[in-house]
Amino acid sequence: MFFVYILECADKTLYIGSTTDLEKRLYAHNNLKTGAHYTKIRRPVSLVYSETLQTFADMRAREAEIKRLSRAEKLLLISSES
């Protein structure tokens, strides 16, 4: 199983990522030196959106698609999950 996710950082910026273990990756973003540099300097982060995908290729394509969205479109995507 593969995941694409959006995090909201302490400064209200958004971070888009992908992983095979969402819980472990969220822990890394908030607690470890191995978390992404972008989130390390903007902690704490919170998970605001995630999607489950079936293949690695689908995950990477969806991550790229979300990254191309405007901030407003990303917020709309996040709010559609609520």
PDB file of N, CA and C in Angstrom:
ATOM      1  N   MET A   1       0.836  -1.173   0.000  1.00  0.00           N
ATOM      2  CA  MET A   1       0.000   0.000   0.000  1.00  0.00           C
ATOM      3  C   MET A   1       0.887   1.244   0.000  1.00  0.00           C
ATOM      4  N   PHE A   2       0.448   2.259  -0.709  1.00  0.00           N
ATOM      5  CA  PHE A   2       1.216   3.495  -0.857  1.00  0.00           C
ATOM      6  C   PHE A   2       0.332   4.674  -0.475  1.00  0.00           C
ATOM      7  N   PHE A   3       0.959   5.702   0.077  1.00  0.00           N
ATOM      8  CA  PHE A   3       0.220   6.863   0.556  1.00  0.00           C
ATOM      9  C   PHE A   3       0.805   8.153   0.009  1.00  0.00           C
ATOM     10  N   VAL A   4      -0.072   9.080  -0.317  1.00  0.00           N
ATOM     11  CA  VAL A   4       0.296  10.467  -0.606  1.00  0.00           C
ATOM     12  C   VAL A   4      -0.371  11.277   0.492  1.00  0.00           C
ATOM     13  N   TYR A   5       0.358  12.259   1.026  1.00  0.00           N
ATOM     14  CA  TYR A   5      -0.182  12.984   2.164  1.00  0.00           C
ATOM     15  C   TYR A   5       0.153  14.469   2.097  1.00  0.00           C
ATOM     16  N   ILE A   6      -0.622  15.233   2.859  1.00  0.00           N
ATOM     17  CA  ILE A   6      -0.364  16.663   3.012  1.00  0.00           C
ATOM     18  C   ILE A   6      -0.243  16.938   4.500  1.00  0.00           C
ATOM     19  N   LEU A   7       0.821  17.632   4.866  1.00  0.00           N
ATOM     20  CA  LEU A   7       1.030  18.064   6.240  1.00  0.00           C
ATOM     21  C   LEU A   7       0.849  19.567   6.327  1.00  0.00           C
ATOM     22  N   GLU A   8       0.319  20.027   7.434  1.00  0.00           N
ATOM     23  CA  GLU A   8       0.300  21.458   7.723  1.00  0.00           C
ATOM     24  C   GLU A   8       1.369  21.707   8.771  1.00  0.00           C
ATOM     25  N   CYS A   9       2.277  22.611   8.454  1.00  0.00           N
ATOM     26  CA  CYS A   9       3.380  22.928   9.353  1.00  0.00           C
ATOM     27  C   CYS A   9       2.952  23.999  10.357  1.00  0.00           C
ATOM     28  N   ALA A  10       3.764  24.195  11.377  1.00  0.00           N
ATOM     29  CA  ALA A  10       3.461  25.169  12.424  1.00  0.00           C
ATOM     30  C   ALA A  10       3.285  26.575  11.850  1.00  0.00           C
ATOM     31  N   ASP A  11       3.971  26.887  10.754  1.00  0.00           N
ATOM     32  CA  ASP A  11       3.836  28.213  10.138  1.00  0.00           C
ATOM     33  C   ASP A  11       2.705  28.281   9.113  1.00  0.00           C
ATOM     34  N   LYS A  12       1.860  27.239   9.097  1.00  0.00           N
ATOM     35  CA  LYS A  12       0.675  27.140   8.223  1.00  0.00           C
ATOM     36  C   LYS A  12       1.001  26.842   6.764  1.00  0.00           C
ATOM     37  N   THR A  13       2.263  26.558   6.450  1.00  0.00           N
ATOM     38  CA  THR A  13       2.591  26.129   5.095  1.00  0.00           C
ATOM     39  C   THR A  13       2.206  24.660   4.948  1.00  0.00           C
ATOM     40  N   LEU A  14       2.110  24.215   3.702  1.00  0.00           N
ATOM     41  CA  LEU A  14       1.730  22.839   3.415  1.00  0.00           C
ATOM     42  C   LEU A  14       2.915  22.082   2.831  1.00  0.00           C
ATOM     43  N   TYR A  15       3.020  20.814   3.189  1.00  0.00           N
ATOM     44  CA  TYR A  15       4.073  19.946   2.673  1.00  0.00           C
ATOM     45  C   TYR A  15       3.402  18.708   2.096  1.00  0.00           C
ATOM     46  N   ILE A  16       3.784  18.343   0.883  1.00  0.00           N
ATOM     47  CA  ILE A  16       3.225  17.161   0.231  1.00  0.00           C
ATOM     48  C   ILE A  16       4.318  16.101   0.158  1.00  0.00           C
ATOM     49  N   GLY A  17       3.965  14.875   0.518  1.00  0.00           N
ATOM     50  CA  GLY A  17       4.926  13.783   0.479  1.00  0.00           C
ATOM     51  C   GLY A  17       4.257  12.473   0.148  1.00  0.00           C
ATOM     52  N   SER A  18       5.067  11.415   0.079  1.00  0.00           N
ATOM     53  CA  SER A  18       4.556  10.080  -0.183  1.00  0.00           C
ATOM     54  C   SER A  18       5.389   9.076   0.602  1.00  0.00           C
ATOM     55  N   THR A  19       4.772   7.933   0.895  1.00  0.00           N
ATOM     56  CA  THR A  19       5.434   6.926   1.722  1.00  0.00           C
ATOM     57  C   THR A  19       4.697   5.592   1.616  1.00  0.00           C
ATOM     58  N   THR A  20       5.332   4.559   2.150  1.00  0.00           N
ATOM     59  CA  THR A  20       4.663   3.268   2.279  1.00  0.00           C
ATOM     60  C   THR A  20       4.202   3.034   3.715  1.00  0.00           C
ATOM     61  N   ASP A  21       4.649   3.875   4.642  1.00  0.00           N
ATOM     62  CA  ASP A  21       4.269   3.737   6.052  1.00  0.00           C
ATOM     63  C   ASP A  21       3.956   5.124   6.600  1.00  0.00           C
ATOM     64  N   LEU A  22       2.694   5.493   6.553  1.00  0.00           N
ATOM     65  CA  LEU A  22       2.276   6.845   6.895  1.00  0.00           C
ATOM     66  C   LEU A  22       2.555   7.184   8.357  1.00  0.00           C
ATOM     67  N   GLU A  23       2.257   6.282   9.260  1.00  0.00           N
ATOM     68  CA  GLU A  23       2.474   6.544  10.683  1.00  0.00           C
ATOM     69  C   GLU A  23       3.955   6.770  10.995  1.00  0.00           C
ATOM     70  N   LYS A  24       4.797   5.923  10.448  1.00  0.00           N
ATOM     71  CA  LYS A  24       6.243   6.043  10.664  1.00  0.00           C
ATOM     72  C   LYS A  24       6.778   7.345  10.057  1.00  0.00           C
ATOM     73  N   ARG A  25       6.283   7.705   8.891  1.00  0.00           N
ATOM     74  CA  ARG A  25       6.756   8.924   8.229  1.00  0.00           C
ATOM     75  C   ARG A  25       6.322  10.173   8.985  1.00  0.00           C
ATOM     76  N   LEU A  26       5.108  10.189   9.497  1.00  0.00           N
ATOM     77  CA  LEU A  26       4.641  11.323  10.285  1.00  0.00           C
ATOM     78  C   LEU A  26       5.481  11.473  11.550  1.00  0.00           C
ATOM     79  N   TYR A  27       5.791  10.350  12.179  1.00  0.00           N
ATOM     80  CA  TYR A  27       6.658  10.381  13.356  1.00  0.00           C
ATOM     81  C   TYR A  27       8.025  10.977  12.993  1.00  0.00           C
ATOM     82  N   ALA A  28       8.579  10.561  11.867  1.00  0.00           N
ATOM     83  CA  ALA A  28       9.886  11.071  11.427  1.00  0.00           C
ATOM     84  C   ALA A  28       9.827  12.578  11.181  1.00  0.00           C
ATOM     85  N   HIS A  29       8.762  13.041  10.546  1.00  0.00           N
ATOM     86  CA  HIS A  29       8.641  14.478  10.279  1.00  0.00           C
ATOM     87  C   HIS A  29       8.637  15.290  11.573  1.00  0.00           C
ATOM     88  N   ASN A  30       8.040  14.754  12.608  1.00  0.00           N
ATOM     89  CA  ASN A  30       7.912  15.504  13.857  1.00  0.00           C
ATOM     90  C   ASN A  30       9.031  15.273  14.864  1.00  0.00           C
ATOM     91  N   ASN A  31       9.765  14.170  14.759  1.00  0.00           N
ATOM     92  CA  ASN A  31      10.669  13.806  15.846  1.00  0.00           C
ATOM     93  C   ASN A  31      12.103  13.462  15.470  1.00  0.00           C
ATOM     94  N   LEU A  32      12.343  13.072  14.244  1.00  0.00           N
ATOM     95  CA  LEU A  32      13.664  12.561  13.894  1.00  0.00           C
ATOM     96  C   LEU A  32      14.457  13.524  13.015  1.00  0.00           C
ATOM     97  N   LYS A  33      15.757  13.339  13.029  1.00  0.00           N
ATOM     98  CA  LYS A  33      16.618  14.106  12.137  1.00  0.00           C
ATOM     99  C   LYS A  33      16.450  13.672  10.689  1.00  0.00           C
ATOM    100  N   THR A  34      15.862  12.489  10.472  1.00  0.00           N
ATOM    101  CA  THR A  34      15.687  11.970   9.118  1.00  0.00           C
ATOM    102  C   THR A  34      14.428  12.507   8.444  1.00  0.00           C
ATOM    103  N   GLY A  35      13.614  13.269   9.165  1.00  0.00           N
ATOM    104  CA  GLY A  35      12.455  13.901   8.536  1.00  0.00           C
ATOM    105  C   GLY A  35      12.924  14.890   7.481  1.00  0.00           C
ATOM    106  N   ALA A  36      12.061  15.256   6.587  1.00  0.00           N
ATOM    107  CA  ALA A  36      12.423  16.211   5.534  1.00  0.00           C
ATOM    108  C   ALA A  36      12.902  17.525   6.143  1.00  0.00           C
ATOM    109  N   HIS A  37      13.913  18.126   5.561  1.00  0.00           N
ATOM    110  CA  HIS A  37      14.450  19.390   6.069  1.00  0.00           C
ATOM    111  C   HIS A  37      13.352  20.455   6.165  1.00  0.00           C
ATOM    112  N   TYR A  38      12.492  20.504   5.171  1.00  0.00           N
ATOM    113  CA  TYR A  38      11.430  21.511   5.151  1.00  0.00           C
ATOM    114  C   TYR A  38      10.582  21.430   6.413  1.00  0.00           C
ATOM    115  N   THR A  39      10.216  20.225   6.815  1.00  0.00           N
ATOM    116  CA  THR A  39       9.360  20.095   7.994  1.00  0.00           C
ATOM    117  C   THR A  39      10.151  20.180   9.299  1.00  0.00           C
ATOM    118  N   LYS A  40      11.422  19.817   9.270  1.00  0.00           N
ATOM    119  CA  LYS A  40      12.235  19.879  10.491  1.00  0.00           C
ATOM    120  C   LYS A  40      12.292  21.290  11.056  1.00  0.00           C
ATOM    121  N   ILE A  41      12.302  22.276  10.186  1.00  0.00           N
ATOM    122  CA  ILE A  41      12.414  23.658  10.659  1.00  0.00           C
ATOM    123  C   ILE A  41      11.050  24.327  10.814  1.00  0.00           C
ATOM    124  N   ARG A  42       9.984  23.549  10.639  1.00  0.00           N
ATOM    125  CA  ARG A  42       8.620  24.092  10.741  1.00  0.00           C
ATOM    126  C   ARG A  42       7.741  23.221  11.646  1.00  0.00           C
ATOM    127  N   ARG A  43       8.350  22.559  12.594  1.00  0.00           N
ATOM    128  CA  ARG A  43       7.625  21.680  13.507  1.00  0.00           C
ATOM    129  C   ARG A  43       6.827  22.467  14.522  1.00  0.00           C
ATOM    130  N   PRO A  44       5.767  21.853  15.052  1.00  0.00           N
ATOM    131  CA  PRO A  44       5.240  20.542  14.719  1.00  0.00           C
ATOM    132  C   PRO A  44       4.424  20.571  13.431  1.00  0.00           C
ATOM    133  N   VAL A  45       4.278  19.413  12.844  1.00  0.00           N
ATOM    134  CA  VAL A  45       3.447  19.265  11.649  1.00  0.00           C
ATOM    135  C   VAL A  45       2.271  18.364  11.985  1.00  0.00           C
ATOM    136  N   SER A  46       1.182  18.551  11.264  1.00  0.00           N
ATOM    137  CA  SER A  46       0.027  17.682  11.478  1.00  0.00           C
ATOM    138  C   SER A  46      -0.484  17.184  10.135  1.00  0.00           C
ATOM    139  N   LEU A  47      -0.931  15.959  10.134  1.00  0.00           N
ATOM    140  CA  LEU A  47      -1.479  15.338   8.936  1.00  0.00           C
ATOM    141  C   LEU A  47      -2.870  15.912   8.690  1.00  0.00           C
ATOM    142  N   VAL A  48      -3.062  16.506   7.503  1.00  0.00           N
ATOM    143  CA  VAL A  48      -4.366  17.093   7.196  1.00  0.00           C
ATOM    144  C   VAL A  48      -5.061  16.397   6.027  1.00  0.00           C
ATOM    145  N   TYR A  49      -4.323  15.526   5.324  1.00  0.00           N
ATOM    146  CA  TYR A  49      -4.915  14.846   4.167  1.00  0.00           C
ATOM    147  C   TYR A  49      -4.050  13.646   3.803  1.00  0.00           C
ATOM    148  N   SER A  50      -4.697  12.563   3.392  1.00  0.00           N
ATOM    149  CA  SER A  50      -3.946  11.417   2.844  1.00  0.00           C
ATOM    150  C   SER A  50      -4.816  10.648   1.872  1.00  0.00           C
ATOM    151  N   GLU A  51      -4.159   9.992   0.942  1.00  0.00           N
ATOM    152  CA  GLU A  51      -4.804   9.115  -0.033  1.00  0.00           C
ATOM    153  C   GLU A  51      -4.039   7.804  -0.053  1.00  0.00           C
ATOM    154  N   THR A  52      -4.754   6.729  -0.248  1.00  0.00           N
ATOM    155  CA  THR A  52      -4.141   5.413  -0.393  1.00  0.00           C
ATOM    156  C   THR A  52      -4.155   5.040  -1.868  1.00  0.00           C
ATOM    157  N   LEU A  53      -2.998   4.582  -2.355  1.00  0.00           N
ATOM    158  CA  LEU A  53      -2.881   4.185  -3.761  1.00  0.00           C
ATOM    159  C   LEU A  53      -2.336   2.765  -3.834  1.00  0.00           C
ATOM    160  N   GLN A  54      -2.553   2.118  -4.966  1.00  0.00           N
ATOM    161  CA  GLN A  54      -2.219   0.707  -5.100  1.00  0.00           C
ATOM    162  C   GLN A  54      -0.807   0.431  -5.609  1.00  0.00           C
ATOM    163  N   THR A  55      -0.235   1.348  -6.385  1.00  0.00           N
ATOM    164  CA  THR A  55       1.094   1.093  -6.941  1.00  0.00           C
ATOM    165  C   THR A  55       2.026   2.263  -6.680  1.00  0.00           C
ATOM    166  N   PHE A  56       3.313   1.966  -6.736  1.00  0.00           N
ATOM    167  CA  PHE A  56       4.328   2.996  -6.568  1.00  0.00           C
ATOM    168  C   PHE A  56       4.176   4.072  -7.644  1.00  0.00           C
ATOM    169  N   ALA A  57       3.943   3.639  -8.864  1.00  0.00           N
ATOM    170  CA  ALA A  57       3.802   4.590  -9.979  1.00  0.00           C
ATOM    171  C   ALA A  57       2.607   5.512  -9.757  1.00  0.00           C
ATOM    172  N   ASP A  58       1.490   4.952  -9.295  1.00  0.00           N
ATOM    173  CA  ASP A  58       0.310   5.778  -9.004  1.00  0.00           C
ATOM    174  C   ASP A  58       0.613   6.787  -7.907  1.00  0.00           C
ATOM    175  N   MET A  59       1.337   6.339  -6.871  1.00  0.00           N
ATOM    176  CA  MET A  59       1.691   7.216  -5.763  1.00  0.00           C
ATOM    177  C   MET A  59       2.523   8.399  -6.249  1.00  0.00           C
ATOM    178  N   ARG A  60       3.549   8.114  -7.032  1.00  0.00           N
ATOM    179  CA  ARG A  60       4.435   9.187  -7.504  1.00  0.00           C
ATOM    180  C   ARG A  60       3.703  10.147  -8.435  1.00  0.00           C
ATOM    181  N   ALA A  61       2.842   9.619  -9.279  1.00  0.00           N
ATOM    182  CA  ALA A  61       2.083  10.470 -10.199  1.00  0.00           C
ATOM    183  C   ALA A  61       1.118  11.366  -9.430  1.00  0.00           C
ATOM    184  N   ARG A  62       0.438  10.804  -8.427  1.00  0.00           N
ATOM    185  CA  ARG A  62      -0.515  11.599  -7.647  1.00  0.00           C
ATOM    186  C   ARG A  62       0.201  12.658  -6.818  1.00  0.00           C
ATOM    187  N   GLU A  63       1.358  12.312  -6.253  1.00  0.00           N
ATOM    188  CA  GLU A  63       2.145  13.288  -5.498  1.00  0.00           C
ATOM    189  C   GLU A  63       2.513  14.466  -6.393  1.00  0.00           C
ATOM    190  N   ALA A  64       2.982  14.187  -7.593  1.00  0.00           N
ATOM    191  CA  ALA A  64       3.352  15.245  -8.535  1.00  0.00           C
ATOM    192  C   ALA A  64       2.135  16.092  -8.903  1.00  0.00           C
ATOM    193  N   GLU A  65       1.001  15.437  -9.086  1.00  0.00           N
ATOM    194  CA  GLU A  65      -0.228  16.148  -9.435  1.00  0.00           C
ATOM    195  C   GLU A  65      -0.644  17.114  -8.317  1.00  0.00           C
ATOM    196  N   ILE A  66      -0.592  16.645  -7.080  1.00  0.00           N
ATOM    197  CA  ILE A  66      -0.967  17.512  -5.950  1.00  0.00           C
ATOM    198  C   ILE A  66       0.022  18.656  -5.792  1.00  0.00           C
ATOM    199  N   LYS A  67       1.296  18.392  -5.982  1.00  0.00           N
ATOM    200  CA  LYS A  67       2.311  19.448  -5.852  1.00  0.00           C
ATOM    201  C   LYS A  67       2.100  20.566  -6.872  1.00  0.00           C
ATOM    202  N   ARG A  68       1.520  20.245  -8.010  1.00  0.00           N
ATOM    203  CA  ARG A  68       1.276  21.267  -9.039  1.00  0.00           C
ATOM    204  C   ARG A  68       0.058  22.135  -8.740  1.00  0.00           C
ATOM    205  N   LEU A  69      -0.771  21.719  -7.790  1.00  0.00           N
ATOM    206  CA  LEU A  69      -1.956  22.508  -7.453  1.00  0.00           C
ATOM    207  C   LEU A  69      -1.569  23.811  -6.768  1.00  0.00           C
ATOM    208  N   SER A  70      -2.417  24.805  -6.910  1.00  0.00           N
ATOM    209  CA  SER A  70      -2.205  26.048  -6.169  1.00  0.00           C
ATOM    210  C   SER A  70      -2.515  25.800  -4.695  1.00  0.00           C
ATOM    211  N   ARG A  71      -2.119  26.706  -3.836  1.00  0.00           N
ATOM    212  CA  ARG A  71      -2.432  26.568  -2.410  1.00  0.00           C
ATOM    213  C   ARG A  71      -3.947  26.488  -2.205  1.00  0.00           C
ATOM    214  N   ALA A  72      -4.684  27.323  -2.910  1.00  0.00           N
ATOM    215  CA  ALA A  72      -6.147  27.326  -2.782  1.00  0.00           C
ATOM    216  C   ALA A  72      -6.731  25.972  -3.182  1.00  0.00           C
ATOM    217  N   GLU A  73      -6.208  25.386  -4.247  1.00  0.00           N
ATOM    218  CA  GLU A  73      -6.694  24.079  -4.686  1.00  0.00           C
ATOM    219  C   GLU A  73      -6.334  22.985  -3.671  1.00  0.00           C
ATOM    220  N   LYS A  74      -5.156  23.085  -3.071  1.00  0.00           N
ATOM    221  CA  LYS A  74      -4.768  22.121  -2.039  1.00  0.00           C
ATOM    222  C   LYS A  74      -5.687  22.244  -0.827  1.00  0.00           C
ATOM    223  N   LEU A  75      -6.003  23.466  -0.428  1.00  0.00           N
ATOM    224  CA  LEU A  75      -6.911  23.667   0.707  1.00  0.00           C
ATOM    225  C   LEU A  75      -8.289  23.124   0.410  1.00  0.00           C
ATOM    226  N   LEU A  76      -8.749  23.272  -0.832  1.00  0.00           N
ATOM    227  CA  LEU A  76     -10.032  22.731  -1.244  1.00  0.00           C
ATOM    228  C   LEU A  76     -10.012  21.195  -1.171  1.00  0.00           C
ATOM    229  N   LEU A  77      -8.921  20.601  -1.613  1.00  0.00           N
ATOM    230  CA  LEU A  77      -8.768  19.150  -1.537  1.00  0.00           C
ATOM    231  C   LEU A  77      -8.824  18.691  -0.077  1.00  0.00           C
ATOM    232  N   ILE A  78      -8.120  19.394   0.784  1.00  0.00           N
ATOM    233  CA  ILE A  78      -8.103  19.061   2.214  1.00  0.00           C
ATOM    234  C   ILE A  78      -9.510  19.174   2.796  1.00  0.00           C
ATOM    235  N   SER A  79     -10.199  20.252   2.472  1.00  0.00           N
ATOM    236  CA  SER A  79     -11.539  20.474   3.042  1.00  0.00           C
ATOM    237  C   SER A  79     -12.556  19.484   2.498  1.00  0.00           C
ATOM    238  N   SER A  80     -12.317  18.926   1.325  1.00  0.00           N
ATOM    239  CA  SER A  80     -13.250  17.950   0.750  1.00  0.00           C
ATOM    240  C   SER A  80     -13.228  16.636   1.530  1.00  0.00           C
ATOM    241  N   GLU A  81     -12.185  16.400   2.277  1.00  0.00           N
ATOM    242  CA  GLU A  81     -12.056  15.184   3.093  1.00  0.00           C
ATOM    243  C   GLU A  81     -12.802  15.308   4.401  1.00  0.00           C
ATOM    244  N   SER A  82     -13.104  16.478   4.835  1.00  0.00           N
ATOM    245  CA  SER A  82     -13.741  16.689   6.150  1.00  0.00           C
ATOM    246  C   SER A  82     -15.205  16.332   6.147  1.00  0.00           C
TER     247      SER A  82
END
